[in-house]
Amino acid sequence: MGILYCKKWPNPLPSSLLMPFYGANGHMTWGSQAYVQSNWPNNAAALRDLGLMTYRNGYGANYNSSNGAITSSDGATFNSFMTAYPDITVVPVLLPRWSVAYDNTSAGTETTAYTMGYNLGVDAATKLGNKVPYYEVGNEYENGKVSGAGASKTDFDNTMFLQARGSVRGMIAGIHSVLPNAKIALAPGSWLHFGLWDMFADGTTPAAPNTVDSSKIISWDLSPWHIYTQNSTGADDFENLSGQPITNGMAKLASYGKPMIISEFGVNTYSGSTALYADDAAIIAAMTTKNYLFDKWYSIRNKYAVPLIGVQLYQLADAAADGSQNEMGFGITGSDGITKKGWYSAVKSFVATHPVS
């Protein structure tokens, strides 16, 4: 894979940001049939066949309930996969238990969340080192704890925010204590929940949106975000939203000044048990031909002042932590990790005919 170029960003990009443009999400640490180790050869074969050569996976740990020290983690699993399939670029998204006080049921604080984040950052950086292109520090902290569109700071629960901020700050500090030059991708949000990032960036909180604590300001290297269809009542075009507080989500993402990654994107095929698309042809159109997802990312990759350097489809194979039908509908292969969905060939064709190098 060659270095990505962009007229408006340092040319070429630093080699440490080098990774395949197209990728997919997976769950190599889960016990779901599609992702168990015996199915890894099928997972790798599908990634290669599709041309989705960046593979994003969650990296978690178990903790000592008295002090938040890590007792075991996903490091060995990651290393096993990377050793077996060195041609596939693996990206870890760190998943600490940020909202609890260690393993107890009592609510966590910014301080306890920082400790858990720090310990996970140290663990991941120690075990993965420079074998991964960057570390993504968290995942959709705001979902389920946001009111309104999430574009404003005051749309967020203050307790949740403090826990999330502590977690992110801790992970970054932990990673950099081991790997000072490691690249950090901020915990991605979804839809228009940019109010969370605005507070990460300027040291404010939902309870005091105009009061800056400069010691709590977070800096990062890469800006990942999550975008799915069927979020907007007006349109699924993330650059041309109607009836929303932000009309161009990509312009807002670019405004943070860091190279962008769409670390999750996909077609919401169900809402509960209700099908949102009539057939596979409609799903294929939304995924590859309507200027919403694959076609959108390809066409705008050099449009903004910072480049879009990677896009990661959700997900490689059907699996869901909650078992819900809408979660199970995102896979490009079935729950066996082998059966190809109706849109498999369309994605393969798009990636093959739209190379990025």
Protein backbone atom coordinates (compact mmCIF):
# COMPACT_ATOMS: atom_id res chain seq x y z
CA MET A 1 0.00 0.00 0.00
CA GLY A 2 1.50 3.33 -0.99
CA ILE A 3 1.43 6.56 0.96
CA LEU A 4 -1.82 8.48 0.77
CA TYR A 5 -1.53 11.96 -0.72
CA CYS A 6 -3.64 15.05 -0.17
CA LYS A 7 -3.14 18.54 -1.59
CA LYS A 8 -4.07 20.25 1.68
CA TRP A 9 -2.18 18.08 4.19
CA PRO A 10 1.58 17.48 4.54
CA ASN A 11 2.62 15.55 1.47
CA PRO A 12 3.44 12.77 1.95
CA LEU A 13 1.73 11.74 5.15
CA PRO A 14 4.07 10.43 7.86
CA SER A 15 4.85 6.76 7.25
CA SER A 16 3.51 5.95 10.73
CA LEU A 17 0.01 6.69 9.42
CA LEU A 18 0.39 4.22 6.58
CA MET A 19 -2.40 1.63 6.37
CA PRO A 20 -4.75 0.25 3.73
CA PHE A 21 -7.59 2.67 2.99
CA TYR A 22 -10.30 0.00 2.99
CA GLY A 23 -11.00 -2.18 6.02
CA ALA A 24 -13.58 -3.98 8.12
CA ASN A 25 -14.55 -4.43 11.75
CA GLY A 26 -14.38 -7.82 13.43
CA HIS A 27 -14.50 -9.50 16.84
CA MET A 28 -11.53 -11.85 16.95
CA THR A 29 -11.79 -12.08 20.76
CA TRP A 30 -15.47 -13.10 20.82
CA GLY A 31 -16.80 -16.61 21.18
CA SER A 32 -19.29 -16.14 18.33
CA GLN A 33 -19.00 -18.89 15.73
CA ALA A 34 -18.05 -16.46 12.97
CA TYR A 35 -14.99 -15.22 14.86
CA VAL A 36 -13.65 -18.16 16.89
CA GLN A 37 -10.02 -19.01 16.18
CA SER A 38 -10.94 -22.04 14.08
CA ASN A 39 -12.71 -19.59 11.75
CA TRP A 40 -9.80 -17.17 11.47
CA PRO A 41 -8.66 -18.67 8.14
CA ASN A 42 -12.11 -17.91 6.70
CA ASN A 43 -12.04 -14.38 8.16
CA ALA A 44 -8.61 -13.71 6.67
CA ALA A 45 -9.61 -15.19 3.31
CA ALA A 46 -12.67 -12.94 3.14
CA LEU A 47 -10.68 -9.82 4.05
CA ARG A 48 -8.14 -10.57 1.34
CA ASP A 49 -10.77 -11.45 -1.25
CA LEU A 50 -12.71 -8.26 -0.54
CA GLY A 51 -9.64 -6.04 -0.39
CA LEU A 52 -10.56 -4.87 3.14
CA MET A 53 -7.06 -5.15 4.55
CA THR A 54 -7.36 -3.08 7.72
CA TYR A 55 -9.05 -5.09 10.48
CA ARG A 56 -10.43 -3.18 13.49
CA ASN A 57 -11.10 -5.18 16.66
CA GLY A 58 -11.93 -4.45 20.28
CA TYR A 59 -9.16 -4.90 22.88
CA GLY A 60 -10.41 -5.49 26.42
CA ALA A 61 -9.21 -6.76 29.78
CA ASN A 62 -10.23 -8.13 33.15
CA TYR A 63 -9.42 -6.13 36.28
CA ASN A 64 -8.60 -6.68 39.94
CA SER A 65 -11.72 -5.53 41.77
CA SER A 66 -9.78 -3.80 44.54
CA ASN A 67 -7.33 -1.64 42.62
CA GLY A 68 -8.12 -1.75 38.90
CA ALA A 69 -4.95 -3.65 37.98
CA ILE A 70 -5.26 -5.82 34.88
CA THR A 71 -5.34 -9.55 35.48
CA SER A 72 -5.72 -10.67 31.86
CA SER A 73 -6.23 -9.03 28.47
CA ASP A 74 -6.72 -9.66 24.77
CA GLY A 75 -3.04 -9.11 23.98
CA ALA A 76 -2.24 -12.77 23.31
CA THR A 77 -5.21 -13.17 20.98
CA PHE A 78 -4.21 -10.10 18.97
CA ASN A 79 -0.62 -11.32 18.66
CA SER A 80 -1.75 -14.77 17.56
CA PHE A 81 -3.84 -13.30 14.77
CA MET A 82 -1.14 -10.86 13.65
CA THR A 83 1.47 -13.62 13.61
CA ALA A 84 -0.76 -15.89 11.55
CA TYR A 85 -1.81 -13.18 9.08
CA PRO A 86 0.97 -10.58 8.89
CA ASP A 87 -0.36 -9.08 5.64
CA ILE A 88 -3.55 -7.86 7.39
CA THR A 89 -3.21 -4.56 9.27
CA VAL A 90 -4.83 -4.95 12.69
CA VAL A 91 -6.15 -1.88 14.53
CA PRO A 92 -7.02 -2.17 18.24
CA VAL A 93 -9.86 -0.18 19.77
CA LEU A 94 -9.27 -0.16 23.52
CA LEU A 95 -12.34 -0.96 25.62
CA PRO A 96 -11.82 -0.26 29.34
CA ARG A 97 -14.63 -0.58 31.88
CA TRP A 98 -14.73 3.16 32.21
CA SER A 99 -18.17 3.63 33.80
CA VAL A 100 -17.65 1.52 36.93
CA ALA A 101 -15.33 1.71 39.92
CA TYR A 102 -13.06 -1.13 38.89
CA ASP A 103 -15.17 -4.31 38.74
CA ASN A 104 -17.71 -3.25 41.37
CA THR A 105 -21.23 -2.12 40.59
CA SER A 106 -20.76 1.30 42.19
CA ALA A 107 -20.41 4.18 39.78
CA GLY A 108 -16.94 5.18 38.70
CA THR A 109 -15.37 8.62 38.84
CA GLU A 110 -13.01 10.46 36.52
CA THR A 111 -10.17 9.24 38.74
CA THR A 112 -11.11 5.55 38.72
CA ALA A 113 -11.80 5.70 35.00
CA TYR A 114 -8.36 7.25 34.47
CA THR A 115 -6.72 4.40 36.41
CA MET A 116 -8.49 1.71 34.41
CA GLY A 117 -7.73 3.50 31.16
CA TYR A 118 -4.08 3.96 32.08
CA ASN A 119 -3.65 0.30 32.97
CA LEU A 120 -5.25 -0.82 29.71
CA GLY A 121 -3.10 1.61 27.72
CA VAL A 122 0.07 0.24 29.31
CA ASP A 123 -1.05 -3.34 28.72
CA ALA A 124 -1.93 -2.82 25.05
CA ALA A 125 1.18 -0.79 24.23
CA THR A 126 3.42 -3.32 25.97
CA LYS A 127 1.88 -6.33 24.20
CA LEU A 128 1.23 -4.84 20.76
CA GLY A 129 4.02 -2.30 20.54
CA ASN A 130 4.55 -0.77 17.10
CA LYS A 131 2.92 -3.72 15.31
CA VAL A 132 -0.28 -1.67 14.94
CA PRO A 133 -0.50 1.66 13.08
CA TYR A 134 -2.35 3.48 15.86
CA TYR A 135 -4.37 2.97 19.04
CA GLU A 136 -8.06 3.92 19.15
CA VAL A 137 -8.87 4.93 22.73
CA GLY A 138 -12.48 3.96 23.36
CA ASN A 139 -15.67 3.48 21.41
CA GLU A 140 -18.95 5.44 21.32
CA TYR A 141 -18.84 6.53 24.95
CA GLU A 142 -21.76 8.86 24.40
CA ASN A 143 -24.37 6.51 22.96
CA GLY A 144 -27.22 5.90 25.37
CA LYS A 145 -26.19 8.91 27.45
CA VAL A 146 -27.01 11.80 25.16
CA SER A 147 -30.10 13.95 24.76
CA GLY A 148 -31.01 15.86 21.65
CA ALA A 149 -28.75 15.64 18.63
CA GLY A 150 -25.54 15.60 20.66
CA ALA A 151 -24.12 18.57 18.81
CA SER A 152 -24.13 20.75 21.94
CA LYS A 153 -22.03 20.32 25.08
CA THR A 154 -25.09 20.41 27.31
CA ASP A 155 -26.64 17.45 25.47
CA PHE A 156 -24.49 15.09 27.59
CA ASP A 157 -24.74 13.67 31.10
CA ASN A 158 -22.03 15.27 33.25
CA THR A 159 -21.18 12.14 35.25
CA MET A 160 -20.80 10.10 32.08
CA PHE A 161 -18.63 12.77 30.54
CA LEU A 162 -16.22 12.90 33.47
CA GLN A 163 -15.86 9.12 33.42
CA ALA A 164 -15.30 9.13 29.66
CA ARG A 165 -12.75 11.94 29.84
CA GLY A 166 -10.83 10.20 32.61
CA SER A 167 -10.81 6.96 30.64
CA VAL A 168 -9.52 8.58 27.46
CA ARG A 169 -6.87 10.62 29.25
CA GLY A 170 -5.74 7.52 31.11
CA MET A 171 -5.43 5.37 28.01
CA ILE A 172 -3.41 7.99 26.16
CA ALA A 173 -1.08 8.47 29.14
CA GLY A 174 -0.67 4.72 29.55
CA ILE A 175 0.13 4.14 25.88
CA HIS A 176 2.61 7.01 25.77
CA SER A 177 4.34 5.82 28.94
CA VAL A 178 5.40 2.77 26.91
CA LEU A 179 5.42 4.15 23.35
CA PRO A 180 5.95 7.94 23.44
CA ASN A 181 5.46 8.29 19.69
CA ALA A 182 2.43 6.04 19.29
CA LYS A 183 -0.37 7.57 17.21
CA ILE A 184 -3.67 8.07 19.01
CA ALA A 185 -7.13 7.96 17.45
CA LEU A 186 -9.68 9.62 19.75
CA ALA A 187 -12.63 7.59 21.05
CA PRO A 188 -15.04 7.84 18.10
CA GLY A 189 -18.52 9.19 18.47
CA SER A 190 -21.44 8.64 16.15
CA TRP A 191 -24.00 10.59 14.21
CA LEU A 192 -23.79 14.29 15.25
CA HIS A 193 -22.48 13.81 18.79
CA PHE A 194 -19.62 16.25 18.30
CA GLY A 195 -20.40 18.09 21.54
CA LEU A 196 -18.46 15.38 23.35
CA TRP A 197 -15.34 16.00 21.28
CA ASP A 198 -15.68 19.76 21.65
CA MET A 199 -15.36 19.29 25.42
CA PHE A 200 -12.47 16.82 25.07
CA ALA A 201 -10.68 19.43 22.96
CA ASP A 202 -11.24 22.55 25.07
CA GLY A 203 -11.29 21.31 28.68
CA THR A 204 -14.93 22.11 29.46
CA THR A 205 -17.78 19.94 30.79
CA PRO A 206 -21.55 19.67 30.28
CA ALA A 207 -22.11 21.25 33.70
CA ALA A 208 -19.70 24.11 32.97
CA PRO A 209 -19.55 24.47 29.19
CA ASN A 210 -17.81 27.86 29.36
CA THR A 211 -15.25 27.02 32.07
CA VAL A 212 -11.92 25.71 30.81
CA ASP A 213 -9.67 23.37 32.77
CA SER A 214 -6.51 23.41 30.67
CA SER A 215 -5.10 20.40 32.55
CA LYS A 216 -7.90 18.22 31.16
CA ILE A 217 -7.57 19.16 27.49
CA ILE A 218 -7.06 16.09 25.28
CA SER A 219 -4.95 16.07 22.13
CA TRP A 220 -4.90 13.33 19.52
CA ASP A 221 -3.49 12.41 16.10
CA LEU A 222 -6.39 10.87 14.16
CA SER A 223 -10.11 11.64 14.11
CA PRO A 224 -12.29 8.50 13.74
CA TRP A 225 -16.06 8.66 13.45
CA HIS A 226 -19.04 6.29 12.99
CA ILE A 227 -21.68 6.79 10.31
CA TYR A 228 -24.62 4.55 9.39
CA THR A 229 -27.62 4.87 7.10
CA GLN A 230 -31.13 5.55 8.40
CA ASN A 231 -30.03 8.06 11.05
CA SER A 232 -31.40 11.19 9.43
CA THR A 233 -35.07 11.66 8.65
CA GLY A 234 -34.11 13.95 5.79
CA ALA A 235 -31.20 12.24 4.06
CA ASP A 236 -28.39 9.76 4.61
CA ASP A 237 -25.85 12.03 2.90
CA PHE A 238 -23.54 13.02 5.80
CA GLU A 239 -22.39 16.11 3.91
CA ASN A 240 -25.89 17.37 3.14
CA LEU A 241 -28.11 16.79 6.16
CA SER A 242 -31.55 18.35 6.43
CA GLY A 243 -33.37 19.30 9.61
CA GLN A 244 -30.24 18.78 11.72
CA PRO A 245 -28.15 21.19 13.86
CA ILE A 246 -25.12 20.37 11.70
CA THR A 247 -25.63 20.22 7.96
CA ASN A 248 -22.18 18.90 6.98
CA GLY A 249 -20.86 16.26 9.35
CA MET A 250 -17.64 15.74 7.39
CA ALA A 251 -16.77 19.43 7.54
CA LYS A 252 -17.24 19.33 11.32
CA LEU A 253 -15.04 16.24 11.62
CA ALA A 254 -12.37 17.90 9.49
CA SER A 255 -12.49 21.02 11.65
CA TYR A 256 -10.55 19.24 14.41
CA GLY A 257 -7.53 19.38 12.10
CA LYS A 258 -6.51 15.72 12.17
CA PRO A 259 -6.56 13.09 9.40
CA MET A 260 -9.98 11.42 9.42
CA ILE A 261 -11.00 7.77 9.63
CA ILE A 262 -14.50 6.35 9.33
CA SER A 263 -13.81 3.51 11.76
CA GLU A 264 -17.36 2.16 11.52
CA PHE A 265 -19.88 2.54 8.73
CA GLY A 266 -22.69 0.37 7.49
CA VAL A 267 -26.27 -0.06 6.37
CA ASN A 268 -28.89 -0.28 9.12
CA THR A 269 -30.87 -3.11 7.53
CA TYR A 270 -33.30 -3.42 10.47
CA SER A 271 -34.87 -1.26 13.14
CA GLY A 272 -35.79 -3.80 15.79
CA SER A 273 -37.53 -6.46 13.71
CA THR A 274 -38.63 -4.06 10.95
CA ALA A 275 -36.74 -4.32 7.66
CA LEU A 276 -35.57 -0.90 6.42
CA TYR A 277 -34.70 -1.98 2.88
CA ALA A 278 -36.86 -3.90 0.44
CA ASP A 279 -34.19 -6.29 -0.80
CA ASP A 280 -30.48 -6.85 -1.35
CA ALA A 281 -30.47 -4.50 -4.34
CA ALA A 282 -31.59 -1.62 -2.13
CA ILE A 283 -28.90 -2.43 0.44
CA ILE A 284 -26.26 -2.61 -2.30
CA ALA A 285 -27.38 0.76 -3.64
CA ALA A 286 -27.07 2.35 -0.20
CA MET A 287 -23.69 0.73 0.42
CA THR A 288 -21.91 1.31 -2.88
CA THR A 289 -23.83 3.42 -5.42
CA LYS A 290 -25.82 6.22 -3.81
CA ASN A 291 -23.01 8.53 -2.70
CA TYR A 292 -23.72 7.58 0.91
CA LEU A 293 -21.09 5.06 2.03
CA PHE A 294 -18.29 3.48 -0.04
CA ASP A 295 -18.87 5.84 -2.94
CA LYS A 296 -19.01 8.83 -0.59
CA TRP A 297 -15.75 7.99 1.19
CA TYR A 298 -13.90 7.37 -2.04
CA SER A 299 -15.07 10.58 -3.67
CA ILE A 300 -14.32 12.90 -0.73
CA ARG A 301 -11.08 11.39 0.55
CA ASN A 302 -9.06 14.46 -0.50
CA LYS A 303 -11.83 17.06 -0.44
CA TYR A 304 -11.20 18.67 2.95
CA ALA A 305 -8.23 20.43 4.56
CA VAL A 306 -7.33 17.11 6.18
CA PRO A 307 -7.55 13.78 4.33
CA LEU A 308 -9.79 10.81 4.92
CA ILE A 309 -7.15 8.09 5.29
CA GLY A 310 -9.20 5.00 6.09
CA VAL A 311 -12.72 3.53 6.13
CA GLN A 312 -13.72 0.37 8.02
CA LEU A 313 -16.98 -1.39 7.21
CA TYR A 314 -19.09 -2.73 10.07
CA GLN A 315 -18.81 -5.65 9.98
CA LEU A 316 -17.04 -8.68 8.48
CA ALA A 317 -19.44 -11.37 9.78
CA ASP A 318 -22.74 -11.45 11.62
CA ALA A 319 -22.34 -11.39 15.39
CA ALA A 320 -23.91 -9.30 18.13
CA ALA A 321 -23.27 -8.90 21.82
CA ASP A 322 -27.00 -8.44 22.39
CA GLY A 323 -28.18 -10.89 19.72
CA SER A 324 -30.61 -8.36 18.25
CA GLN A 325 -31.72 -8.70 14.67
CA ASN A 326 -30.56 -5.26 13.62
CA GLU A 327 -27.06 -5.91 15.02
CA MET A 328 -26.94 -9.29 13.31
CA GLY A 329 -27.78 -7.71 9.97
CA PHE A 330 -24.52 -5.82 9.41
CA GLY A 331 -22.23 -8.70 8.40
CA ILE A 332 -20.92 -9.06 4.89
CA THR A 333 -20.77 -12.78 5.64
CA GLY A 334 -23.20 -14.78 7.76
CA SER A 335 -22.96 -15.96 11.35
CA ASP A 336 -20.88 -18.95 10.19
CA GLY A 337 -18.22 -16.56 8.89
CA ILE A 338 -18.38 -18.26 5.49
CA THR A 339 -21.73 -17.66 3.78
CA LYS A 340 -21.53 -14.59 1.54
CA LYS A 341 -24.32 -12.03 1.80
CA GLY A 342 -25.99 -10.59 -1.27
CA TRP A 343 -23.82 -7.47 -1.17
CA TYR A 344 -20.49 -9.29 -0.83
CA SER A 345 -19.71 -9.21 -4.54
CA ALA A 346 -20.78 -5.58 -4.87
CA VAL A 347 -18.35 -4.49 -2.15
CA LYS A 348 -15.58 -6.60 -3.68
CA SER A 349 -16.20 -5.04 -7.08
CA PHE A 350 -16.28 -1.49 -5.72
CA VAL A 351 -13.00 -1.85 -3.82
CA ALA A 352 -11.31 -3.49 -6.81
CA THR A 353 -12.40 -0.75 -9.21
CA HIS A 354 -11.69 2.16 -6.84
CA PRO A 355 -8.13 1.60 -5.63
CA VAL A 356 -6.53 4.06 -3.21
CA SER A 357 -2.75 4.19 -3.11
